Protein backbone atom coordinates (compact mmCIF):
# COMPACT_ATOMS: atom_id res chain seq x y z
CA UNK A 1 4.70 -12.14 11.40
CA UNK A 2 6.15 -11.82 7.92
CA UNK A 3 6.62 -8.41 6.41
CA UNK A 4 4.11 -7.27 3.78
CA UNK A 5 5.43 -6.14 0.41
CA UNK A 6 2.64 -4.40 -1.49
CA UNK A 7 2.87 -3.26 -5.10
CA UNK A 8 0.83 -0.28 -6.27
CA UNK A 9 0.68 -0.38 -10.07
CA UNK A 10 -1.14 2.97 -10.23
CA UNK A 11 -2.45 3.66 -13.78
CA UNK A 12 -0.03 1.30 -15.48
CA UNK A 13 -0.40 -2.16 -16.95
CA UNK A 14 -2.46 -4.13 -19.43
CA UNK A 15 -3.53 -7.75 -19.63
CA UNK A 16 -0.40 -9.08 -21.30
CA UNK A 17 1.84 -7.34 -18.78
CA UNK A 18 -0.19 -8.76 -15.92
CA UNK A 19 0.15 -12.32 -17.23
CA UNK A 20 3.86 -11.85 -17.91
CA UNK A 21 4.43 -10.50 -14.41
CA UNK A 22 2.66 -13.41 -12.73
CA UNK A 23 4.36 -16.04 -14.90
CA UNK A 24 7.76 -14.59 -14.01
CA UNK A 25 6.86 -14.57 -10.33
CA UNK A 26 5.66 -18.17 -10.60
CA UNK A 27 8.90 -19.22 -12.25
CA UNK A 28 11.18 -17.40 -9.86
CA UNK A 29 9.37 -18.66 -6.75
CA UNK A 30 9.43 -22.20 -8.10
CA UNK A 31 6.94 -23.36 -5.51
CA UNK A 32 8.95 -21.97 -2.58
CA UNK A 33 7.31 -19.80 0.05
CA UNK A 34 8.32 -16.13 -0.34
CA UNK A 35 10.11 -14.36 2.51
CA UNK A 36 7.21 -11.90 2.86
CA UNK A 37 3.47 -11.68 2.37
CA UNK A 38 2.83 -10.38 -1.16
CA UNK A 39 0.16 -7.99 -2.38
CA UNK A 40 -0.40 -6.49 -5.83
CA UNK A 41 -2.86 -3.63 -6.37
CA UNK A 42 -3.35 -3.25 -10.13
CA UNK A 43 -5.70 -0.91 -11.98
CA UNK A 44 -9.37 -1.82 -11.45
CA UNK A 45 -9.57 -3.23 -14.97
CA UNK A 46 -7.02 -5.91 -14.04
CA UNK A 47 -8.14 -6.89 -10.54
CA UNK A 48 -10.34 -9.83 -11.58
CA UNK A 49 -7.74 -11.03 -14.09
CA UNK A 50 -4.98 -10.92 -11.48
CA UNK A 51 -7.17 -12.88 -9.07
CA UNK A 52 -7.45 -15.63 -11.71
CA UNK A 53 -3.74 -15.53 -12.53
CA UNK A 54 -2.53 -15.88 -8.92
CA UNK A 55 -4.53 -18.99 -8.07
CA UNK A 56 -2.26 -21.39 -6.18
CA UNK A 57 0.27 -18.59 -5.68
CA UNK A 58 0.80 -16.88 -2.29
CA UNK A 59 -0.16 -13.43 -3.62
CA UNK A 60 -3.08 -11.28 -2.47
CA UNK A 61 -4.76 -8.83 -4.84
CA UNK A 62 -6.19 -5.44 -3.90
CA UNK A 63 -7.84 -2.37 -5.35
CA UNK A 64 -6.33 1.10 -5.48
CA UNK A 65 -9.39 2.99 -4.25
CA UNK A 66 -13.04 2.54 -3.36
CA UNK A 67 -16.11 4.71 -2.86
CA UNK A 68 -17.49 5.46 0.59
CA UNK A 69 -20.88 3.97 -0.33
CA UNK A 70 -21.74 0.40 -1.40
CA UNK A 71 -23.71 1.57 -4.46
CA UNK A 72 -25.26 4.65 -6.05
CA UNK A 73 -25.16 7.08 -8.93
CA UNK A 74 -21.40 7.64 -8.84
CA UNK A 75 -20.21 7.35 -12.41
CA UNK A 76 -16.69 6.00 -12.74
CA UNK A 77 -16.35 4.94 -9.10
CA UNK A 78 -16.03 1.44 -7.70
CA UNK A 79 -17.52 0.15 -4.46
CA UNK A 80 -15.52 -1.86 -1.95
CA UNK A 81 -17.98 -4.74 -2.14
CA UNK A 82 -17.47 -4.86 -5.92
CA UNK A 83 -13.76 -5.40 -5.33
CA UNK A 84 -14.47 -8.03 -2.72
CA UNK A 85 -16.89 -9.83 -5.04
CA UNK A 86 -14.21 -10.33 -7.69
CA UNK A 87 -11.67 -11.67 -5.24
CA UNK A 88 -9.74 -8.69 -3.90
CA UNK A 89 -8.78 -8.82 -0.23
CA UNK A 90 -7.14 -5.40 0.23
CA UNK A 91 -7.76 -1.83 -0.93
CA UNK A 92 -5.47 1.20 -0.88
CA UNK A 93 -7.17 4.36 0.40
CA UNK A 94 -5.91 7.89 0.91
CA UNK A 95 -2.86 7.69 -1.33
CA UNK A 96 -1.22 11.09 -1.63
CA UNK A 97 -2.16 11.24 -5.30
CA UNK A 98 -5.83 10.80 -4.38
CA UNK A 99 -5.50 13.39 -1.64
CA UNK A 100 -3.83 15.89 -3.97
CA UNK A 101 -5.58 15.38 -7.30
CA UNK A 102 -9.02 14.41 -5.99
CA UNK A 103 -8.95 16.64 -2.89
CA UNK A 104 -9.65 13.78 -0.50
CA UNK A 105 -9.48 14.84 3.15
CA UNK A 106 -9.04 12.75 6.30
CA UNK A 107 -12.78 12.31 6.77
CA UNK A 108 -13.19 10.95 3.24
CA UNK A 109 -10.25 8.58 3.66
CA UNK A 110 -11.63 7.33 6.97
CA UNK A 111 -15.03 6.71 5.37
CA UNK A 112 -13.41 4.80 2.52
CA UNK A 113 -11.35 2.72 4.95
CA UNK A 114 -14.50 1.85 6.89
CA UNK A 115 -16.29 0.96 3.65
CA UNK A 116 -13.44 -1.40 2.80
CA UNK A 117 -13.64 -3.04 6.22
CA UNK A 118 -17.41 -3.40 5.93
CA UNK A 119 -16.90 -5.18 2.60
CA UNK A 120 -14.40 -7.61 4.10
CA UNK A 121 -11.32 -5.89 2.70
CA UNK A 122 -8.21 -4.76 4.57
CA UNK A 123 -7.61 -1.07 3.84
CA UNK A 124 -4.05 0.13 3.30
CA UNK A 125 -4.35 3.68 4.61
CA UNK A 126 -1.71 6.09 3.30
CA UNK A 127 -0.43 9.07 5.25
CA UNK A 128 2.59 11.33 4.99
CA UNK A 129 3.98 14.83 5.02
CA UNK A 130 4.96 17.20 2.21
CA UNK A 131 8.48 18.53 1.80
CA UNK A 132 7.35 21.91 3.14
CA UNK A 133 5.86 20.28 6.25
CA UNK A 134 9.05 18.27 6.76
CA UNK A 135 11.17 21.43 6.43
CA UNK A 136 8.98 23.19 9.00
CA UNK A 137 9.44 20.35 11.50
CA UNK A 138 5.77 19.37 11.35
CA UNK A 139 6.13 15.74 10.32
CA UNK A 140 4.96 14.18 13.57
CA UNK A 141 2.11 16.68 13.91
CA UNK A 142 0.96 15.81 10.38
CA UNK A 143 1.11 12.09 11.14
CA UNK A 144 -0.78 12.52 14.40
CA UNK A 145 -3.55 14.45 12.64
CA UNK A 146 -3.71 11.82 9.89
CA UNK A 147 -3.94 8.96 12.37
CA UNK A 148 -6.71 10.73 14.25
CA UNK A 149 -8.62 11.77 11.15
CA UNK A 150 -8.07 8.96 8.64
CA UNK A 151 -8.10 5.74 10.68
CA UNK A 152 -11.31 3.95 11.67
CA UNK A 153 -11.47 2.28 15.07
CA UNK A 154 -10.21 -1.12 13.93
CA UNK A 155 -7.14 -3.31 13.98
CA UNK A 156 -8.09 -4.78 10.59
CA UNK A 157 -6.04 -2.16 8.77
CA UNK A 158 -2.58 -1.48 7.37
CA UNK A 159 -0.97 1.97 7.63
CA UNK A 160 1.47 3.07 4.95
CA UNK A 161 3.76 5.98 5.79
CA UNK A 162 4.60 7.69 2.51
CA UNK A 163 6.41 11.01 2.73
CA UNK A 164 4.77 12.81 -0.18
CA UNK A 165 8.04 14.34 -1.31
CA UNK A 166 9.65 10.90 -1.72
CA UNK A 167 6.99 9.34 -3.95
CA UNK A 168 8.33 8.90 -7.46
CA UNK A 169 11.04 11.48 -6.84
CA UNK A 170 13.95 9.13 -6.32
CA UNK A 171 14.55 10.81 -2.96
CA UNK A 172 14.33 8.74 0.21
CA UNK A 173 14.31 9.93 3.83
CA UNK A 174 17.29 8.99 5.94
CA UNK A 175 17.20 5.85 8.06
CA UNK A 176 16.81 8.06 11.12
CA UNK A 177 13.85 9.94 9.62
CA UNK A 178 12.05 6.73 8.68
CA UNK A 179 12.75 5.24 12.11
CA UNK A 180 11.45 8.33 13.89
CA UNK A 181 8.21 8.35 11.91
CA UNK A 182 7.56 4.63 12.32
CA UNK A 183 8.37 4.69 16.02
CA UNK A 184 5.86 7.50 16.48
CA UNK A 185 3.24 5.68 14.41
CA UNK A 186 3.73 2.53 16.50
CA UNK A 187 2.80 4.52 19.58
CA UNK A 188 -0.20 6.12 17.85
CA UNK A 189 -1.77 2.94 16.44
CA UNK A 190 -3.34 -0.09 18.06
CA UNK A 191 -1.20 -3.21 18.55
CA UNK A 192 -1.00 -5.53 15.59
CA UNK A 193 -1.41 -2.90 12.87
CA UNK A 194 1.20 -3.33 10.18
CA UNK A 195 3.21 -0.21 9.35
CA UNK A 196 4.57 -0.03 5.82
CA UNK A 197 7.07 2.44 4.41
CA UNK A 198 6.50 3.79 0.90
CA UNK A 199 8.29 6.33 -1.24
CA UNK A 200 10.90 5.38 -3.86
CA UNK A 201 11.45 1.88 -2.47
CA UNK A 202 13.62 -0.09 -4.86
CA UNK A 203 15.94 -3.12 -4.75
CA UNK A 204 18.94 -0.90 -4.04
CA UNK A 205 17.57 0.55 -0.77
CA UNK A 206 15.07 -2.11 0.32
CA UNK A 207 17.39 -4.05 2.62
CA UNK A 208 18.26 -0.99 4.69
CA UNK A 209 14.67 0.26 4.86
CA UNK A 210 13.20 -3.13 5.78
CA UNK A 211 15.73 -3.59 8.59
CA UNK A 212 14.52 -0.45 10.40
CA UNK A 213 12.58 -1.20 13.61
CA UNK A 214 8.78 -0.82 13.30
CA UNK A 215 8.89 -1.08 9.50
CA UNK A 216 6.63 -4.04 8.79
CA UNK A 217 6.96 -3.95 5.03
CA UNK A 218 6.84 -1.64 2.04
CA UNK A 219 4.34 -0.07 -0.34
CA UNK A 220 6.18 -0.13 -3.65
CA UNK A 221 5.33 1.96 -6.70
CA UNK A 222 7.35 1.83 -9.91
CA UNK A 223 9.57 -1.04 -8.79
CA UNK A 224 6.51 -3.28 -8.43
CA UNK A 225 5.85 -3.20 -12.18
CA UNK A 226 8.78 -5.50 -12.90
CA UNK A 227 8.64 -8.94 -11.32
CA UNK A 228 12.43 -9.10 -10.90
CA UNK A 229 12.54 -5.80 -9.00
CA UNK A 230 9.50 -6.64 -6.89
CA UNK A 231 10.93 -10.03 -5.91
CA UNK A 232 14.33 -8.48 -5.19
CA UNK A 233 12.60 -6.26 -2.63
CA UNK A 234 10.89 -9.33 -1.16
CA UNK A 235 14.26 -11.07 -0.91
CA UNK A 236 15.66 -8.06 0.95
CA UNK A 237 13.37 -8.78 3.89
CA UNK A 238 15.34 -9.81 7.00
């Protein structure tokens, strides 16, 4: 199975940037099959536009969040089936920024993941420890609790290990730390579930990270906003 390189655009990007990104990807690929499966998760305002832009390109499009319910009086939220209806095939849930700023707990993340599955989407479920938890030697305990509390009983999921302290900080865990976490997650999850690493992944460190056993791809933040950087990470796949 190819590795999965997923780009999380967060709250960045407008229509012109989306078109420019896709046109650059189209040009650089030149009709060749990429070395990895590709996924872009833009802001909700760009999902439908990206779906149109990537026609005939081997790129999947996903949302960055969804509500636990399929409809209702939830101003500002988006349902998983709404994302599916406009062509998305994945949805990120439980990102550390959602957990921190929107106070989402494991139960909420699990409900969102199940909502995504019910709508025909593949949830990318994010988990990871804080710097304080890492310093206290609690990383594996945190991951175990997250797996138990945030994952629905399904193999139609992707798990993204994102040490919270590495996201956007420029800091990256050592090869040994990433390997230990992914090895533990492999034992905790059902066979076939892809395990991504996220947290300051960039072209300069992608080759080393993607060569680590049990790392099935990467969830990329800032480096996914530039087509050249995103494709350089794809090319780093073994």
